[in-house]
Protein backbone atom coordinates (compact mmCIF):
# COMPACT_ATOMS: atom_id res chain seq x y z
CA MET A 1 -7.23 -23.68 15.91
CA ASP A 2 -7.22 -25.09 19.42
CA SER A 3 -7.85 -22.63 22.26
CA ARG A 4 -6.24 -25.14 24.65
CA ALA A 5 -2.92 -23.78 23.37
CA LEU A 6 -3.64 -20.67 25.44
CA ALA A 7 -4.38 -22.45 28.74
CA GLY A 8 -2.00 -21.25 31.45
CA LYS A 9 -0.55 -18.43 29.35
CA ARG A 10 -0.04 -15.15 31.19
CA CYS A 11 -1.80 -12.21 29.60
CA LEU A 12 -1.95 -8.47 30.19
CA VAL A 13 -5.03 -6.70 28.81
CA THR A 14 -5.06 -2.91 28.75
CA GLY A 15 -8.31 -0.98 28.79
CA ALA A 16 -9.90 -3.99 30.47
CA SER A 17 -12.50 -2.23 32.61
CA ARG A 18 -15.05 -1.77 29.83
CA GLY A 19 -15.81 -2.07 26.13
CA LEU A 20 -13.77 -4.33 23.91
CA GLY A 21 -11.01 -4.83 26.49
CA TYR A 22 -13.57 -6.19 28.94
CA GLU A 23 -14.98 -8.61 26.38
CA ILE A 24 -11.51 -9.80 25.36
CA ALA A 25 -10.70 -10.46 29.02
CA ARG A 26 -13.95 -12.41 29.39
CA SER A 27 -13.16 -14.55 26.34
CA LEU A 28 -9.59 -15.19 27.48
CA VAL A 29 -10.51 -16.29 30.99
CA SER A 30 -12.95 -18.81 29.48
CA VAL A 31 -10.03 -20.64 27.82
CA GLY A 32 -7.86 -20.78 30.93
CA VAL A 33 -5.60 -17.77 30.45
CA GLU A 34 -4.07 -16.21 33.59
CA LEU A 35 -5.20 -12.61 33.40
CA LEU A 36 -3.70 -9.33 34.55
CA LEU A 37 -5.95 -6.36 33.82
CA THR A 38 -5.19 -2.67 33.73
CA ALA A 39 -7.23 0.52 33.41
CA LYS A 40 -7.34 3.93 35.06
CA ASN A 41 -10.57 3.65 37.07
CA GLU A 42 -9.67 1.59 40.13
CA ARG A 43 -13.23 1.05 41.36
CA VAL A 44 -14.47 -0.40 38.07
CA LEU A 45 -11.24 -2.29 37.41
CA ALA A 46 -11.36 -3.99 40.81
CA GLN A 47 -14.93 -5.13 40.14
CA VAL A 48 -13.99 -6.58 36.75
CA ALA A 49 -10.91 -8.31 38.16
CA SER A 50 -13.05 -9.86 40.90
CA GLU A 51 -15.58 -11.04 38.32
CA PHE A 52 -12.87 -12.80 36.30
CA GLY A 53 -10.68 -13.95 39.19
CA ALA A 54 -7.87 -11.86 37.77
CA LYS A 55 -5.06 -9.70 39.11
CA TYR A 56 -5.07 -6.00 38.29
CA ILE A 57 -2.87 -2.90 38.24
CA VAL A 58 -4.22 0.63 38.05
CA ALA A 59 -2.31 2.71 35.51
CA ASP A 60 -2.68 5.89 33.47
CA LEU A 61 -1.41 5.01 30.01
CA SER A 62 -1.00 8.66 29.07
CA SER A 63 1.94 8.78 31.52
CA ALA A 64 5.19 7.23 30.26
CA ASP A 65 6.32 6.72 33.85
CA ASP A 66 3.08 4.95 34.73
CA VAL A 67 3.45 2.63 31.74
CA GLU A 68 6.99 1.73 32.79
CA ARG A 69 5.69 1.00 36.30
CA LEU A 70 2.92 -1.12 34.81
CA ALA A 71 5.43 -3.17 32.84
CA TYR A 72 7.65 -3.70 35.90
CA GLU A 73 4.77 -4.65 38.19
CA SER A 74 3.24 -6.93 35.56
CA LYS A 75 6.38 -9.03 35.47
CA ALA A 76 6.36 -9.21 39.25
CA LYS A 77 2.68 -10.15 39.54
CA LEU A 78 2.62 -12.75 36.75
CA GLY A 79 6.25 -13.83 36.61
CA GLY A 80 6.23 -12.75 32.97
CA VAL A 81 3.83 -11.86 30.18
CA ASP A 82 3.23 -14.29 27.30
CA VAL A 83 0.37 -12.40 25.68
CA LEU A 84 -0.05 -8.63 25.46
CA ILE A 85 -3.37 -7.16 24.36
CA ASN A 86 -3.10 -3.44 23.65
CA SER A 87 -6.80 -2.64 23.74
CA ALA A 88 -6.89 0.69 25.58
CA GLY A 89 -7.63 3.69 23.43
CA VAL A 90 -9.03 7.20 23.41
CA PHE A 91 -11.19 8.73 20.70
CA PRO A 92 -10.99 12.52 20.46
CA VAL A 93 -13.67 14.00 18.22
CA ALA A 94 -12.88 17.50 16.96
CA SER A 95 -11.78 19.27 13.83
CA VAL A 96 -8.13 20.14 13.36
CA VAL A 97 -8.95 23.80 13.96
CA ASP A 98 -10.66 22.99 17.26
CA SER A 99 -7.84 20.67 18.46
CA ASP A 100 -4.57 21.58 20.11
CA THR A 101 -1.21 19.95 20.77
CA GLY A 102 -2.39 18.76 24.18
CA ASP A 103 -5.17 16.76 22.53
CA PHE A 104 -2.67 15.37 20.03
CA ASP A 105 -0.08 14.39 22.65
CA PHE A 106 -2.66 12.73 24.91
CA CYS A 107 -4.11 10.60 22.12
CA MET A 108 -0.69 9.59 20.81
CA ALA A 109 0.49 8.71 24.31
CA VAL A 110 -2.39 6.32 25.00
CA ASN A 111 -2.97 4.90 21.51
CA VAL A 112 0.63 4.64 20.29
CA ARG A 113 3.32 5.26 22.90
CA ALA A 114 1.87 2.92 25.55
CA PRO A 115 1.67 -0.09 23.16
CA PHE A 116 5.22 0.70 22.02
CA GLN A 117 6.53 0.83 25.59
CA LEU A 118 4.78 -2.36 26.67
CA SER A 119 5.87 -4.28 23.58
CA ARG A 120 9.46 -3.17 24.10
CA SER A 121 9.33 -4.30 27.72
CA PHE A 122 7.88 -7.78 27.19
CA LEU A 123 9.48 -8.75 23.88
CA PRO A 124 12.90 -9.84 25.15
CA ALA A 125 11.43 -12.61 27.32
CA MET A 126 9.01 -13.65 24.57
CA LEU A 127 11.91 -13.99 22.15
CA GLN A 128 13.96 -15.92 24.69
CA ASN A 129 11.04 -18.29 25.34
CA ARG A 130 10.32 -18.58 21.62
CA TRP A 131 6.63 -17.99 22.25
CA GLY A 132 4.69 -14.78 22.55
CA ARG A 133 1.73 -12.89 21.19
CA ILE A 134 1.13 -9.15 20.87
CA VAL A 135 -2.25 -7.94 19.65
CA ASN A 136 -2.67 -4.27 18.86
CA ILE A 137 -6.30 -3.25 18.54
CA GLY A 138 -6.37 -0.93 15.57
CA SER A 139 -9.36 0.52 13.77
CA SER A 140 -10.86 0.98 10.34
CA SER A 141 -9.46 4.50 10.82
CA ALA A 142 -5.98 3.01 10.31
CA TYR A 143 -6.87 2.64 6.63
CA ALA A 144 -8.81 5.84 5.98
CA GLY A 145 -9.42 9.38 7.16
CA PHE A 146 -12.65 10.79 8.55
CA ARG A 147 -13.67 14.35 9.35
CA ASN A 148 -13.31 15.51 12.96
CA THR A 149 -11.14 12.51 13.88
CA SER A 150 -7.79 13.50 12.40
CA ILE A 151 -5.82 12.90 15.62
CA TYR A 152 -7.45 9.53 16.21
CA CYS A 153 -6.89 8.46 12.59
CA ALA A 154 -3.24 9.51 12.82
CA SER A 155 -2.78 7.45 15.99
CA LYS A 156 -4.27 4.32 14.44
CA HIS A 157 -2.20 4.74 11.28
CA ALA A 158 0.86 4.92 13.55
CA LEU A 159 -0.17 1.83 15.51
CA LEU A 160 -0.62 -0.10 12.28
CA GLY A 161 2.84 1.00 11.13
CA ILE A 162 4.45 -0.13 14.38
CA SER A 163 2.60 -3.44 14.17
CA ARG A 164 3.76 -4.08 10.62
CA ALA A 165 7.38 -3.27 11.43
CA LEU A 166 7.39 -5.32 14.63
CA HIS A 167 5.78 -8.27 12.85
CA ASP A 168 8.69 -8.23 10.41
CA GLU A 169 11.29 -7.87 13.18
CA VAL A 170 10.16 -11.00 15.02
CA ARG A 171 9.21 -13.14 12.02
CA GLY A 172 10.39 -16.73 12.48
CA SER A 173 10.79 -16.47 16.26
CA ASN A 174 7.32 -17.84 17.13
CA VAL A 175 6.53 -14.43 18.58
CA ARG A 176 3.59 -13.09 16.62
CA VAL A 177 2.44 -9.50 16.32
CA MET A 178 -1.05 -8.79 15.03
CA CYS A 179 -2.97 -5.62 14.33
CA ILE A 180 -6.69 -6.36 14.44
CA SER A 181 -8.70 -3.43 13.14
CA PRO A 182 -12.46 -3.49 13.68
CA GLY A 183 -14.94 -1.01 12.34
CA SER A 184 -17.28 0.77 14.75
CA ILE A 185 -18.23 -1.36 17.78
CA LYS A 186 -21.21 -1.22 20.15
CA THR A 187 -19.30 0.29 23.06
CA ASP A 188 -19.30 3.60 24.91
CA MET A 189 -16.71 4.81 22.41
CA GLY A 190 -19.01 3.75 19.59
CA HIS A 191 -21.63 6.18 20.84
CA GLN A 192 -19.20 8.99 19.97
CA VAL A 193 -19.31 8.09 16.28
CA ASN A 194 -21.57 10.62 14.61
CA GLY A 195 -23.76 10.17 11.57
CA GLN A 196 -23.98 6.35 11.63
CA ASP A 197 -26.54 3.84 12.87
CA PHE A 198 -25.28 2.40 16.16
CA GLU A 199 -27.44 -0.70 15.67
CA THR A 200 -25.32 -1.72 12.65
CA PHE A 201 -22.08 -1.63 14.65
CA LEU A 202 -20.08 -4.77 15.45
CA GLU A 203 -20.83 -6.74 18.59
CA PRO A 204 -17.85 -6.55 20.98
CA LYS A 205 -18.23 -10.24 21.86
CA GLU A 206 -17.75 -11.20 18.21
CA VAL A 207 -14.59 -9.13 17.96
CA ALA A 208 -13.30 -10.57 21.25
CA ASN A 209 -13.90 -14.13 20.08
CA PHE A 210 -12.00 -13.38 16.88
CA VAL A 211 -9.05 -12.09 18.91
CA VAL A 212 -8.93 -15.27 21.00
CA ASN A 213 -9.15 -17.48 17.92
CA ALA A 214 -6.31 -15.53 16.30
CA LEU A 215 -4.19 -15.93 19.43
CA ALA A 216 -4.80 -19.69 19.46
CA MET A 217 -3.35 -20.18 15.98
CA ASP A 218 -0.09 -21.98 16.61
CA GLY A 219 0.73 -23.61 13.28
CA SER A 220 2.53 -22.45 10.17
CA MET A 221 -0.20 -19.98 9.18
CA ILE A 222 -0.18 -16.58 10.88
CA ILE A 223 -2.26 -13.43 10.99
CA ASP A 224 -0.33 -10.19 10.80
CA GLU A 225 -3.17 -7.76 10.20
CA VAL A 226 -6.87 -8.05 9.58
CA ARG A 227 -9.84 -5.72 9.16
CA LEU A 228 -13.20 -6.62 10.70
CA ASN A 229 -16.07 -4.85 8.98
CA ARG A 230 -19.82 -4.55 9.36
CA VAL A 231 -22.24 -6.31 7.05
CA VAL A 232 -24.52 -3.25 6.97
CA ILE A 233 -23.35 0.38 7.02
CA ARG A 234 -25.93 3.13 7.23
């Protein structure tokens, strides 16, 4: 794969102020991608955008109206979006008994509805241009269930389902939809994972580099979904 295929492409990265989103943005800017970053914390987001020489838009992905505004302003700032990285996510940790519908709705809004809205907004132009990439950052929780993370697991199962369906909808158009599902990563969110050794978690830079390599594939072979797992689990 040749990362030069990405040079000059316009990319929106959600959840770009920290964690995996930050590392994906770093990897993308190194191959000449024109970046637009979004997150909720304006102070941190502005610092990251300055570091990468990128544009940014502050948005709360739990708000459907804010996501629609983000999509509209993204087109205005970049002139279009060729690559969408849905990296933002929330990770509620609680049993079903200790959760409520507000927790459920918030997680589903950020982890599922926002990627759906953004994909719906940018797909028509991608299809018209016969080139586009959508990467949904899933999780090992899309393939299993774990105690005290039922809402999160449900959201990642849903994101995987949307990714699979959308991949089939756009097959043959040179618009590619991928769901990349890493196991636990050494990020702030990773510190919320109980009962596991943080030192065995995946390095976010490795995951980010995989994402960029997957995006750069422009031949007859495609990735629709992939799981990235740890060598050691303890």
